[in-house]
C-alpha atoms as a PDB file:
ATOM      1  CA  UNK A   1      26.853  90.202 -24.936  1.00  0.00           C
ATOM      2  CA  UNK A   2      24.508  87.556 -26.216  1.00  0.00           C
ATOM      3  CA  UNK A   3      25.375  83.839 -25.437  1.00  0.00           C
ATOM      4  CA  UNK A   4      26.740  82.227 -28.976  1.00  0.00           C
ATOM      5  CA  UNK A   5      24.546  79.594 -30.692  1.00  0.00           C
ATOM      6  CA  UNK A   6      26.349  76.363 -30.459  1.00  0.00           C
ATOM      7  CA  UNK A   7      26.334  73.056 -32.531  1.00  0.00           C
ATOM      8  CA  UNK A   8      28.217  70.389 -33.892  1.00  0.00           C
ATOM      9  CA  UNK A   9      31.570  71.756 -36.019  1.00  0.00           C
ATOM     10  CA  UNK A  10      31.936  74.579 -33.809  1.00  0.00           C
ATOM     11  CA  UNK A  11      34.989  75.521 -31.556  1.00  0.00           C
ATOM     12  CA  UNK A  12      36.318  77.477 -29.094  1.00  0.00           C
ATOM     13  CA  UNK A  13      36.304  78.884 -25.686  1.00  0.00           C
ATOM     14  CA  UNK A  14      32.470  79.173 -25.580  1.00  0.00           C
ATOM     15  CA  UNK A  15      32.503  75.675 -26.988  1.00  0.00           C
ATOM     16  CA  UNK A  16      34.576  74.561 -23.918  1.00  0.00           C
ATOM     17  CA  UNK A  17      32.671  76.146 -21.398  1.00  0.00           C
ATOM     18  CA  UNK A  18      29.864  74.666 -22.601  1.00  0.00           C
ATOM     19  CA  UNK A  19      32.095  70.879 -21.784  1.00  0.00           C
ATOM     20  CA  UNK A  20      32.514  72.059 -18.683  1.00  0.00           C
ATOM     21  CA  UNK A  21      29.387  72.841 -17.724  1.00  0.00           C
ATOM     22  CA  UNK A  22      28.301  69.566 -19.219  1.00  0.00           C
ATOM     23  CA  UNK A  23      31.360  67.669 -17.413  1.00  0.00           C
ATOM     24  CA  UNK A  24      29.760  69.390 -13.967  1.00  0.00           C
ATOM     25  CA  UNK A  25      26.173  67.749 -14.853  1.00  0.00           C
ATOM     26  CA  UNK A  26      26.117  64.258 -15.145  1.00  0.00           C
ATOM     27  CA  UNK A  27      29.050  63.789 -18.220  1.00  0.00           C
ATOM     28  CA  UNK A  28      32.159  63.664 -16.492  1.00  0.00           C
ATOM     29  CA  UNK A  29      33.577  61.200 -19.062  1.00  0.00           C
ATOM     30  CA  UNK A  30      33.304  64.198 -21.611  1.00  0.00           C
ATOM     31  CA  UNK A  31      36.330  66.040 -22.426  1.00  0.00           C
ATOM     32  CA  UNK A  32      36.689  69.958 -22.491  1.00  0.00           C
ATOM     33  CA  UNK A  33      38.502  70.182 -25.919  1.00  0.00           C
ATOM     34  CA  UNK A  34      37.029  73.512 -27.317  1.00  0.00           C
ATOM     35  CA  UNK A  35      35.795  71.184 -29.825  1.00  0.00           C
ATOM     36  CA  UNK A  36      31.764  70.611 -30.502  1.00  0.00           C
ATOM     37  CA  UNK A  37      31.988  66.924 -31.926  1.00  0.00           C
ATOM     38  CA  UNK A  38      29.349  64.149 -31.701  1.00  0.00           C
ATOM     39  CA  UNK A  39      30.155  63.577 -27.893  1.00  0.00           C
ATOM     40  CA  UNK A  40      29.189  66.925 -27.018  1.00  0.00           C
ATOM     41  CA  UNK A  41      26.331  66.751 -29.135  1.00  0.00           C
ATOM     42  CA  UNK A  42      24.936  63.822 -27.717  1.00  0.00           C
ATOM     43  CA  UNK A  43      25.594  64.821 -24.309  1.00  0.00           C
ATOM     44  CA  UNK A  44      23.588  68.430 -25.101  1.00  0.00           C
ATOM     45  CA  UNK A  45      20.429  66.629 -26.287  1.00  0.00           C
ATOM     46  CA  UNK A  46      20.182  64.172 -23.105  1.00  0.00           C
ATOM     47  CA  UNK A  47      20.845  67.559 -20.941  1.00  0.00           C
ATOM     48  CA  UNK A  48      18.082  69.182 -23.011  1.00  0.00           C
ATOM     49  CA  UNK A  49      15.568  66.190 -23.038  1.00  0.00           C
ATOM     50  CA  UNK A  50      16.170  66.155 -19.177  1.00  0.00           C
ATOM     51  CA  UNK A  51      14.573  69.992 -19.076  1.00  0.00           C
ATOM     52  CA  UNK A  52      11.752  69.190 -21.329  1.00  0.00           C
ATOM     53  CA  UNK A  53      13.877  70.830 -24.122  1.00  0.00           C
ATOM     54  CA  UNK A  54      13.414  70.011 -27.987  1.00  0.00           C
ATOM     55  CA  UNK A  55      16.743  67.796 -27.984  1.00  0.00           C
ATOM     56  CA  UNK A  56      18.283  68.784 -31.279  1.00  0.00           C
ATOM     57  CA  UNK A  57      21.878  69.391 -29.682  1.00  0.00           C
ATOM     58  CA  UNK A  58      21.729  72.986 -30.332  1.00  0.00           C
ATOM     59  CA  UNK A  59      22.733  75.568 -27.938  1.00  0.00           C
ATOM     60  CA  UNK A  60      20.565  78.135 -27.761  1.00  0.00           C
ATOM     61  CA  UNK A  61      18.221  80.453 -25.846  1.00  0.00           C
ATOM     62  CA  UNK A  62      16.409  78.182 -24.254  1.00  0.00           C
ATOM     63  CA  UNK A  63      18.872  75.777 -23.703  1.00  0.00           C
ATOM     64  CA  UNK A  64      21.084  78.456 -22.082  1.00  0.00           C
ATOM     65  CA  UNK A  65      18.120  79.751 -19.876  1.00  0.00           C
ATOM     66  CA  UNK A  66      17.814  76.417 -18.320  1.00  0.00           C
ATOM     67  CA  UNK A  67      21.860  76.008 -17.899  1.00  0.00           C
ATOM     68  CA  UNK A  68      22.038  79.588 -16.670  1.00  0.00           C
ATOM     69  CA  UNK A  69      19.349  78.463 -13.538  1.00  0.00           C
ATOM     70  CA  UNK A  70      21.862  75.228 -13.215  1.00  0.00           C
ATOM     71  CA  UNK A  71      24.771  77.297 -12.284  1.00  0.00           C
ATOM     72  CA  UNK A  72      25.611  77.623 -15.946  1.00  0.00           C
ATOM     73  CA  UNK A  73      27.738  80.945 -16.333  1.00  0.00           C
ATOM     74  CA  UNK A  74      28.696  82.051 -20.042  1.00  0.00           C
ATOM     75  CA  UNK A  75      31.360  84.686 -18.603  1.00  0.00           C
ATOM     76  CA  UNK A  76      34.908  83.346 -18.736  1.00  0.00           C
ATOM     77  CA  UNK A  77      36.276  82.756 -15.629  1.00  0.00           C
ATOM     78  CA  UNK A  78      39.871  80.984 -14.488  1.00  0.00           C
ATOM     79  CA  UNK A  79      41.006  79.565 -11.584  1.00  0.00           C
ATOM     80  CA  UNK A  80      42.014  82.631  -9.928  1.00  0.00           C
ATOM     81  CA  UNK A  81      38.102  84.115  -9.919  1.00  0.00           C
ATOM     82  CA  UNK A  82      37.325  85.348  -7.566  1.00  0.00           C
ATOM     83  CA  UNK A  83      40.344  88.205  -6.222  1.00  0.00           C
ATOM     84  CA  UNK A  84      41.469  87.919  -2.836  1.00  0.00           C
ATOM     85  CA  UNK A  85      39.707  90.387  -0.328  1.00  0.00           C
ATOM     86  CA  UNK A  86      41.548  93.142   0.676  1.00  0.00           C
ATOM     87  CA  UNK A  87      41.591  91.624   4.469  1.00  0.00           C
ATOM     88  CA  UNK A  88      43.512  88.777   5.292  1.00  0.00           C
ATOM     89  CA  UNK A  89      42.439  85.462   7.099  1.00  0.00           C
ATOM     90  CA  UNK A  90      42.652  84.903  10.506  1.00  0.00           C
ATOM     91  CA  UNK A  91      45.694  82.274  10.574  1.00  0.00           C
ATOM     92  CA  UNK A  92      46.790  82.610  14.454  1.00  0.00           C
ATOM     93  CA  UNK A  93      44.928  81.627  17.333  1.00  0.00           C
ATOM     94  CA  UNK A  94      45.644  84.806  19.933  1.00  0.00           C
ATOM     95  CA  UNK A  95      43.773  86.250  16.501  1.00  0.00           C
ATOM     96  CA  UNK A  96      40.781  83.988  17.460  1.00  0.00           C
ATOM     97  CA  UNK A  97      40.600  84.215  21.010  1.00  0.00           C
ATOM     98  CA  UNK A  98      40.857  87.428  20.228  1.00  0.00           C
ATOM     99  CA  UNK A  99      37.362  88.019  18.273  1.00  0.00           C
ATOM    100  CA  UNK A 100      35.524  85.137  19.915  1.00  0.00           C
ATOM    101  CA  UNK A 101      37.208  84.605  23.114  1.00  0.00           C
ATOM    102  CA  UNK A 102      39.556  82.266  24.835  1.00  0.00           C
ATOM    103  CA  UNK A 103      38.252  78.901  26.247  1.00  0.00           C
ATOM    104  CA  UNK A 104      40.040  75.464  27.548  1.00  0.00           C
ATOM    105  CA  UNK A 105      39.614  72.532  26.501  1.00  0.00           C
ATOM    106  CA  UNK A 106      40.746  68.701  26.130  1.00  0.00           C
ATOM    107  CA  UNK A 107      41.545  66.429  23.271  1.00  0.00           C
ATOM    108  CA  UNK A 108      38.564  63.789  23.215  1.00  0.00           C
ATOM    109  CA  UNK A 109      39.487  61.879  19.550  1.00  0.00           C
ATOM    110  CA  UNK A 110      37.105  59.376  18.279  1.00  0.00           C
ATOM    111  CA  UNK A 111      37.538  56.678  15.387  1.00  0.00           C
ATOM    112  CA  UNK A 112      35.441  58.746  12.963  1.00  0.00           C
ATOM    113  CA  UNK A 113      36.835  62.531  14.263  1.00  0.00           C
ATOM    114  CA  UNK A 114      40.458  62.269  15.539  1.00  0.00           C
ATOM    115  CA  UNK A 115      40.462  65.908  15.532  1.00  0.00           C
ATOM    116  CA  UNK A 116      38.029  66.113  18.107  1.00  0.00           C
ATOM    117  CA  UNK A 117      38.286  68.528  21.525  1.00  0.00           C
ATOM    118  CA  UNK A 118      36.479  68.776  23.987  1.00  0.00           C
ATOM    119  CA  UNK A 119      35.674  72.305  25.273  1.00  0.00           C
ATOM    120  CA  UNK A 120      35.239  73.234  29.102  1.00  0.00           C
ATOM    121  CA  UNK A 121      33.315  75.858  31.068  1.00  0.00           C
ATOM    122  CA  UNK A 122      30.680  78.036  29.923  1.00  0.00           C
ATOM    123  CA  UNK A 123      32.222  79.181  26.823  1.00  0.00           C
ATOM    124  CA  UNK A 124      29.510  77.235  24.421  1.00  0.00           C
ATOM    125  CA  UNK A 125      26.812  78.169  26.285  1.00  0.00           C
ATOM    126  CA  UNK A 126      27.683  81.965  27.153  1.00  0.00           C
ATOM    127  CA  UNK A 127      28.812  82.484  22.774  1.00  0.00           C
ATOM    128  CA  UNK A 128      27.444  79.926  20.899  1.00  0.00           C
ATOM    129  CA  UNK A 129      23.678  79.969  18.907  1.00  0.00           C
ATOM    130  CA  UNK A 130      21.335  78.638  16.726  1.00  0.00           C
ATOM    131  CA  UNK A 131      20.780  81.142  13.849  1.00  0.00           C
ATOM    132  CA  UNK A 132      18.320  81.243  11.762  1.00  0.00           C
ATOM    133  CA  UNK A 133      18.711  81.803   8.107  1.00  0.00           C
ATOM    134  CA  UNK A 134      16.409  82.331   5.302  1.00  0.00           C
ATOM    135  CA  UNK A 135      15.556  79.146   3.224  1.00  0.00           C
ATOM    136  CA  UNK A 136      18.522  77.316   4.942  1.00  0.00           C
ATOM    137  CA  UNK A 137      16.152  74.154   5.931  1.00  0.00           C
ATOM    138  CA  UNK A 138      16.068  73.679   1.728  1.00  0.00           C
ATOM    139  CA  UNK A 139      19.656  72.696   2.097  1.00  0.00           C
ATOM    140  CA  UNK A 140      20.805  69.273   1.850  1.00  0.00           C
ATOM    141  CA  UNK A 141      22.082  68.548   5.611  1.00  0.00           C
ATOM    142  CA  UNK A 142      20.619  71.276   6.998  1.00  0.00           C
ATOM    143  CA  UNK A 143      19.452  71.149  10.521  1.00  0.00           C
ATOM    144  CA  UNK A 144      15.142  70.951   9.964  1.00  0.00           C
ATOM    145  CA  UNK A 145      14.551  74.151  12.244  1.00  0.00           C
ATOM    146  CA  UNK A 146      16.746  76.062   9.362  1.00  0.00           C
ATOM    147  CA  UNK A 147      19.082  77.082  11.944  1.00  0.00           C
ATOM    148  CA  UNK A 148      22.893  77.044  12.100  1.00  0.00           C
ATOM    149  CA  UNK A 149      24.971  77.221  15.198  1.00  0.00           C
ATOM    150  CA  UNK A 150      27.092  79.891  14.888  1.00  0.00           C
ATOM    151  CA  UNK A 151      29.516  82.157  17.652  1.00  0.00           C
ATOM    152  CA  UNK A 152      27.129  85.537  18.140  1.00  0.00           C
ATOM    153  CA  UNK A 153      29.033  88.015  17.647  1.00  0.00           C
ATOM    154  CA  UNK A 154      29.068  86.813  13.608  1.00  0.00           C
ATOM    155  CA  UNK A 155      25.475  86.060  13.910  1.00  0.00           C
ATOM    156  CA  UNK A 156      24.055  89.406  12.550  1.00  0.00           C
ATOM    157  CA  UNK A 157      26.717  89.281   9.669  1.00  0.00           C
ATOM    158  CA  UNK A 158      25.762  85.262   8.840  1.00  0.00           C
ATOM    159  CA  UNK A 159      22.199  86.423   8.915  1.00  0.00           C
ATOM    160  CA  UNK A 160      22.409  89.141   6.740  1.00  0.00           C
ATOM    161  CA  UNK A 161      24.694  87.026   3.733  1.00  0.00           C
ATOM    162  CA  UNK A 162      22.220  84.938   3.719  1.00  0.00           C
ATOM    163  CA  UNK A 163      19.745  87.403   2.638  1.00  0.00           C
ATOM    164  CA  UNK A 164      21.967  89.262   0.428  1.00  0.00           C
ATOM    165  CA  UNK A 165      22.488  85.902  -1.382  1.00  0.00           C
ATOM    166  CA  UNK A 166      18.463  85.179  -1.518  1.00  0.00           C
ATOM    167  CA  UNK A 167      18.793  88.767  -3.095  1.00  0.00           C
ATOM    168  CA  UNK A 168      20.977  88.367  -5.901  1.00  0.00           C
ATOM    169  CA  UNK A 169      19.169  84.281  -6.146  1.00  0.00           C
ATOM    170  CA  UNK A 170      22.456  83.038  -5.370  1.00  0.00           C
ATOM    171  CA  UNK A 171      21.314  80.676  -2.866  1.00  0.00           C
ATOM    172  CA  UNK A 172      20.519  77.645  -5.336  1.00  0.00           C
ATOM    173  CA  UNK A 173      24.266  77.380  -5.830  1.00  0.00           C
ATOM    174  CA  UNK A 174      24.272  76.314  -2.086  1.00  0.00           C
ATOM    175  CA  UNK A 175      23.898  72.432  -2.563  1.00  0.00           C
ATOM    176  CA  UNK A 176      24.755  71.186   0.669  1.00  0.00           C
ATOM    177  CA  UNK A 177      25.673  71.920   4.166  1.00  0.00           C
ATOM    178  CA  UNK A 178      28.779  70.690   5.909  1.00  0.00           C
ATOM    179  CA  UNK A 179      28.782  71.496   9.219  1.00  0.00           C
ATOM    180  CA  UNK A 180      29.604  75.020  10.999  1.00  0.00           C
ATOM    181  CA  UNK A 181      30.326  75.004  15.111  1.00  0.00           C
ATOM    182  CA  UNK A 182      32.286  71.554  15.488  1.00  0.00           C
ATOM    183  CA  UNK A 183      34.894  71.535  18.399  1.00  0.00           C
ATOM    184  CA  UNK A 184      38.089  70.138  16.694  1.00  0.00           C
ATOM    185  CA  UNK A 185      41.739  71.106  15.600  1.00  0.00           C
ATOM    186  CA  UNK A 186      42.585  71.459  12.130  1.00  0.00           C
ATOM    187  CA  UNK A 187      42.160  68.537   9.481  1.00  0.00           C
ATOM    188  CA  UNK A 188      45.412  66.501  10.272  1.00  0.00           C
ATOM    189  CA  UNK A 189      46.590  68.559  13.384  1.00  0.00           C
ATOM    190  CA  UNK A 190      46.431  67.895  16.972  1.00  0.00           C
ATOM    191  CA  UNK A 191      47.336  71.075  18.337  1.00  0.00           C
ATOM    192  CA  UNK A 192      45.972  73.988  16.184  1.00  0.00           C
ATOM    193  CA  UNK A 193      42.575  74.639  16.950  1.00  0.00           C
ATOM    194  CA  UNK A 194      39.826  75.057  13.780  1.00  0.00           C
ATOM    195  CA  UNK A 195      37.676  78.562  13.383  1.00  0.00           C
ATOM    196  CA  UNK A 196      35.211  75.639  13.253  1.00  0.00           C
ATOM    197  CA  UNK A 197      35.871  75.156  17.395  1.00  0.00           C
ATOM    198  CA  UNK A 198      35.023  79.355  17.554  1.00  0.00           C
ATOM    199  CA  UNK A 199      31.649  78.970  15.897  1.00  0.00           C
ATOM    200  CA  UNK A 200      33.262  81.296  13.189  1.00  0.00           C
ATOM    201  CA  UNK A 201      32.909  79.060  10.116  1.00  0.00           C
ATOM    202  CA  UNK A 202      30.606  76.969   8.000  1.00  0.00           C
ATOM    203  CA  UNK A 203      31.604  75.148   4.855  1.00  0.00           C
ATOM    204  CA  UNK A 204      29.294  73.874   2.082  1.00  0.00           C
ATOM    205  CA  UNK A 205      29.619  71.748  -0.900  1.00  0.00           C
ATOM    206  CA  UNK A 206      31.959  69.508   0.368  1.00  0.00           C
ATOM    207  CA  UNK A 207      31.762  66.648  -2.770  1.00  0.00           C
ATOM    208  CA  UNK A 208      32.683  69.443  -5.839  1.00  0.00           C
ATOM    209  CA  UNK A 209      35.347  71.533  -3.143  1.00  0.00           C
ATOM    210  CA  UNK A 210      37.482  69.314  -1.521  1.00  0.00           C
ATOM    211  CA  UNK A 211      40.361  70.084   0.999  1.00  0.00           C
ATOM    212  CA  UNK A 212      43.677  70.824  -1.382  1.00  0.00           C
ATOM    213  CA  UNK A 213      41.807  70.518  -4.242  1.00  0.00           C
ATOM    214  CA  UNK A 214      41.108  73.107  -6.387  1.00  0.00           C
ATOM    215  CA  UNK A 215      37.650  74.412  -5.742  1.00  0.00           C
ATOM    216  CA  UNK A 216      34.963  73.836  -8.543  1.00  0.00           C
ATOM    217  CA  UNK A 217      35.045  76.610 -11.388  1.00  0.00           C
ATOM    218  CA  UNK A 218      32.141  78.709 -12.375  1.00  0.00           C
ATOM    219  CA  UNK A 219      29.436  77.299 -14.430  1.00  0.00           C
ATOM    220  CA  UNK A 220      30.900  73.460 -12.473  1.00  0.00           C
ATOM    221  CA  UNK A 221      28.158  71.874 -10.794  1.00  0.00           C
ATOM    222  CA  UNK A 222      29.134  72.533  -6.544  1.00  0.00           C
ATOM    223  CA  UNK A 223      30.674  75.574  -7.471  1.00  0.00           C
ATOM    224  CA  UNK A 224      30.716  78.511  -4.762  1.00  0.00           C
ATOM    225  CA  UNK A 225      32.775  81.174  -6.338  1.00  0.00           C
ATOM    226  CA  UNK A 226      30.151  83.234  -7.400  1.00  0.00           C
ATOM    227  CA  UNK A 227      29.094  83.272  -3.561  1.00  0.00           C
ATOM    228  CA  UNK A 228      32.481  84.641  -2.734  1.00  0.00           C
ATOM    229  CA  UNK A 229      32.386  88.315  -3.334  1.00  0.00           C
ATOM    230  CA  UNK A 230      29.192  88.945  -0.981  1.00  0.00           C
ATOM    231  CA  UNK A 231      30.765  87.069   1.607  1.00  0.00           C
ATOM    232  CA  UNK A 232      33.725  89.001   1.460  1.00  0.00           C
ATOM    233  CA  UNK A 233      31.683  91.995   1.380  1.00  0.00           C
ATOM    234  CA  UNK A 234      29.920  90.872   4.850  1.00  0.00           C
ATOM    235  CA  UNK A 235      33.715  89.783   6.193  1.00  0.00           C
ATOM    236  CA  UNK A 236      34.008  86.106   5.184  1.00  0.00           C
ATOM    237  CA  UNK A 237      37.208  84.901   4.552  1.00  0.00           C
ATOM    238  CA  UNK A 238      37.007  82.078   1.410  1.00  0.00           C
ATOM    239  CA  UNK A 239      39.101  78.838   2.025  1.00  0.00           C
ATOM    240  CA  UNK A 240      39.350  78.836  -1.781  1.00  0.00           C
ATOM    241  CA  UNK A 241      42.325  81.587  -1.740  1.00  0.00           C
ATOM    242  CA  UNK A 242      44.201  80.036   1.250  1.00  0.00           C
ATOM    243  CA  UNK A 243      47.709  80.007   0.731  1.00  0.00           C
ATOM    244  CA  UNK A 244      48.677  76.670   1.199  1.00  0.00           C
ATOM    245  CA  UNK A 245      45.804  74.011   1.442  1.00  0.00           C
ATOM    246  CA  UNK A 246      42.798  75.303  -0.673  1.00  0.00           C
ATOM    247  CA  UNK A 247      39.441  74.715   0.820  1.00  0.00           C
ATOM    248  CA  UNK A 248      37.004  75.208  -1.645  1.00  0.00           C
ATOM    249  CA  UNK A 249      34.322  74.434   0.984  1.00  0.00           C
ATOM    250  CA  UNK A 250      34.853  76.698   3.405  1.00  0.00           C
ATOM    251  CA  UNK A 251      33.985  80.034   4.679  1.00  0.00           C
ATOM    252  CA  UNK A 252      34.865  82.050   7.694  1.00  0.00           C
ATOM    253  CA  UNK A 253      34.199  85.198   9.899  1.00  0.00           C
ATOM    254  CA  UNK A 254      37.770  87.400   9.777  1.00  0.00           C
ATOM    255  CA  UNK A 255      36.708  90.696  10.768  1.00  0.00           C
ATOM    256  CA  UNK A 256      32.937  91.390  12.909  1.00  0.00           C
ATOM    257  CA  UNK A 257      31.054  94.277  11.203  1.00  0.00           C
ATOM    258  CA  UNK A 258      29.789  97.425  12.838  1.00  0.00           C
ATOM    259  CA  UNK A 259      26.431  97.787  12.896  1.00  0.00           C
ATOM    260  CA  UNK A 260      26.686 100.920  10.195  1.00  0.00           C
ATOM    261  CA  UNK A 261      29.023  98.508   8.011  1.00  0.00           C
ATOM    262  CA  UNK A 262      25.425  96.201   7.877  1.00  0.00           C
ATOM    263  CA  UNK A 263      23.068  99.416   7.427  1.00  0.00           C
ATOM    264  CA  UNK A 264      25.002 100.297   4.432  1.00  0.00           C
ATOM    265  CA  UNK A 265      25.149  96.485   3.146  1.00  0.00           C
ATOM    266  CA  UNK A 266      21.301  95.476   3.244  1.00  0.00           C
ATOM    267  CA  UNK A 267      20.479  99.199   1.775  1.00  0.00           C
ATOM    268  CA  UNK A 268      22.653  97.446  -1.434  1.00  0.00           C
ATOM    269  CA  UNK A 269      20.995  94.770  -1.713  1.00  0.00           C
ATOM    270  CA  UNK A 270      17.833  95.622  -0.211  1.00  0.00           C
ATOM    271  CA  UNK A 271      17.600  93.022   2.721  1.00  0.00           C
END
């Protein structure tokens, strides 16, 4: 369905979605009330000018094209999008140990990281790899060598996930990289090990998807929601689907894919 032309005087859900997009792209004081008034027109003109377009405040094909490049999606999504996958998250220590191995550790807090732990023995050297990911070095916060520290058993599906995201032009939605392998407890705990301690999780777009906040909606700056369905196919569970504390920045391995499953997905995404 074609996106409707919007201009001053227009009302409805399409206007509200456009306003939500503007709010996430430098106009935080704008109200998403579904009414295209002077404030929305002025914000639209400023956005158009920033993209080298005719700043007439009329939202048509050329403006939508630029907005789509910036993450706008004309389809209405609610706070429950995307749906949860068929598989559950890995929630218990025994499940994590069964998937990724067991290690000994001691608490090693610092003022800036009170949940930090120190892993003892050779588990890290035996299991944590530096995994090269396509275009990873272009993301703010990512290592300059373009590699993410991750568990060896999940490295193939992590690499494939990044390639699949690229094949669907979704990497542009990853604005920041905010960590992967970090030996620590879950935030706020001094007893429960985080998935990050096993090298089985990574965080992206922290600023817009903070812990215990509703993750950014589709079309808003920093939203990761359009990344989630493919991540689920590759065995990753999204923290925005947690039942208690929402963690929209967070993606964790919940199942290890077989070679056959990876090949099927490679054929699907042409990677």
